[in-house]
Each structure stands twice: as C-alpha cells, then as structure tokens.
Amino acid sequence: GLRSAPRPRSPQLFHGAVRLMSEEETRKRTSAILGHPVSDSTWSEAWEKAKRKIRHIAEFCGYDGCREQPGYMAQLAAEYIREAAFSAWTIKRRAAQN
C-alpha cells in the first residue's frame, strides 16, 4: 500500500535535541573517529561549526532522527577538524615551497 510521507519535525524540537546532546559524549566520539584526542581550542571551534552545520541542514534540508544522535554531530565535528588540519598543512607546504 501507500506509505504516508513522514511529517516534518518542528525546528523547536530540533533545537531542543541539539541542546540535549552531550557535548562530552560527542567529543569522545569525535576523538574516536579521528583516532586521537582533540585539544580544547580545536574542540570548541569544531563543536560550534558542527552545531551551526546541523542547524543549517535542518532548516534547509529537513532532518531525520539519526541526526539527533551524538554520532552524527561527532562526524560533522571530525569532518571540520580534518578540513582545518588539511588547510593548515597546505598553507605550510606552500610556504615551504616559496
């Protein structure tokens, strides 16, 4: 038979879910993904970027329950940390070549 389309979840519910996520739990999972501990300064920036990105996803793309989980936030944070590290490495490499 026909399946009914999932109802969109309200932004208020979503923002509540983001607030309820344990930052400590997310940081542990991010460190596990990266394979090393994350420094405080790196973490605070990555956590803010991950929260901003997940809000953006919710507002423009909708979201499903899996994005409420700390594991999803950890993936976003790890992605940001990897990109930042790669950018820093690229800048150093270019400087060394000149």
Protein backbone atom coordinates (compact mmCIF):
# COMPACT_ATOMS: atom_id res chain seq x y z
CA GLY A 1 0.00 0.00 0.00
CA LEU A 2 0.88 3.66 0.01
CA ARG A 3 3.11 4.82 2.82
CA SER A 4 2.34 8.19 4.27
CA ALA A 5 5.13 10.73 3.96
CA PRO A 6 6.97 11.45 7.21
CA ARG A 7 5.74 14.61 8.89
CA PRO A 8 8.30 17.40 9.08
CA ARG A 9 9.60 17.89 12.61
CA SER A 10 9.38 21.33 14.13
CA PRO A 11 12.51 23.49 14.39
CA GLN A 12 11.82 23.91 18.12
CA LEU A 13 12.01 20.13 18.62
CA PHE A 14 15.18 20.05 16.59
CA HIS A 15 16.93 22.83 18.51
CA GLY A 16 15.88 21.14 21.74
CA ALA A 17 17.52 17.93 20.52
CA VAL A 18 20.76 19.76 19.71
CA ARG A 19 20.83 21.28 23.21
CA LEU A 20 20.19 17.88 24.81
CA MET A 21 23.12 16.27 23.03
CA SER A 22 26.01 15.73 25.37
CA GLU A 23 28.98 17.77 24.24
CA GLU A 24 31.28 15.49 26.24
CA GLU A 25 29.86 12.36 24.58
CA THR A 26 30.17 13.97 21.15
CA ARG A 27 33.78 14.97 21.84
CA LYS A 28 34.65 11.39 22.88
CA ARG A 29 33.11 10.06 19.68
CA THR A 30 34.91 12.68 17.58
CA SER A 31 38.25 11.67 19.14
CA ALA A 32 37.45 8.01 18.38
CA ILE A 33 36.68 8.86 14.72
CA LEU A 34 39.92 10.83 14.38
CA GLY A 35 41.99 8.31 16.34
CA HIS A 36 43.45 10.93 18.69
CA PRO A 37 42.26 13.31 21.42
CA VAL A 38 41.05 16.75 20.35
CA SER A 39 42.59 19.82 22.01
CA ASP A 40 40.28 22.24 23.85
CA SER A 41 40.79 25.05 21.34
CA THR A 42 40.22 22.78 18.34
CA TRP A 43 37.18 21.23 20.00
CA SER A 44 35.41 24.49 20.90
CA GLU A 45 35.63 25.64 17.28
CA ALA A 46 34.64 22.24 15.85
CA TRP A 47 31.64 21.97 18.24
CA GLU A 48 30.34 25.41 17.20
CA LYS A 49 30.81 24.59 13.50
CA ALA A 50 29.04 21.23 13.90
CA LYS A 51 26.08 22.85 15.69
CA ARG A 52 25.84 25.54 13.01
CA LYS A 53 26.03 22.97 10.21
CA ILE A 54 23.39 20.71 11.72
CA ARG A 55 21.02 23.68 12.15
CA HIS A 56 21.63 24.61 8.52
CA ILE A 57 20.86 21.04 7.43
CA ALA A 58 17.66 21.04 9.49
CA GLU A 59 16.44 24.38 8.17
CA PHE A 60 17.20 23.83 4.50
CA CYS A 61 17.04 20.08 4.01
CA GLY A 62 14.83 18.82 6.81
CA TYR A 63 16.29 16.14 9.03
CA ASP A 64 15.58 12.71 10.41
CA GLY A 65 16.08 11.24 13.84
CA CYS A 66 19.58 9.92 13.10
CA ARG A 67 20.85 13.49 13.02
CA GLU A 68 19.83 13.94 16.64
CA GLN A 69 22.42 11.41 17.75
CA PRO A 70 25.85 12.37 19.13
CA GLY A 71 27.43 10.11 16.48
CA TYR A 72 26.19 12.36 13.69
CA MET A 73 27.45 15.50 15.44
CA ALA A 74 30.77 13.74 16.00
CA GLN A 75 31.05 13.03 12.27
CA LEU A 76 30.42 16.70 11.48
CA ALA A 77 32.99 17.81 14.07
CA ALA A 78 35.58 15.31 12.81
CA GLU A 79 34.99 16.46 9.24
CA TYR A 80 35.63 20.07 10.26
CA ILE A 81 38.80 19.17 12.22
CA ARG A 82 40.18 17.16 9.27
CA GLU A 83 39.46 20.03 6.85
CA ALA A 84 41.10 22.57 9.18
CA ALA A 85 44.19 20.34 9.61
CA PHE A 86 44.45 19.82 5.85
CA SER A 87 44.17 23.58 5.22
CA ALA A 88 46.93 24.29 7.76
CA TRP A 89 49.14 21.60 6.19
CA THR A 90 48.55 23.00 2.68
CA ILE A 91 49.43 26.55 3.79
CA LYS A 92 52.66 25.34 5.48
CA ARG A 93 53.59 23.30 2.40
CA ARG A 94 53.07 26.26 0.06
CA ALA A 95 55.13 28.49 2.35
CA ALA A 96 57.95 25.91 2.36
CA GLN A 97 57.96 25.80 -1.45
CA ASN A 98 58.39 29.58 -1.83
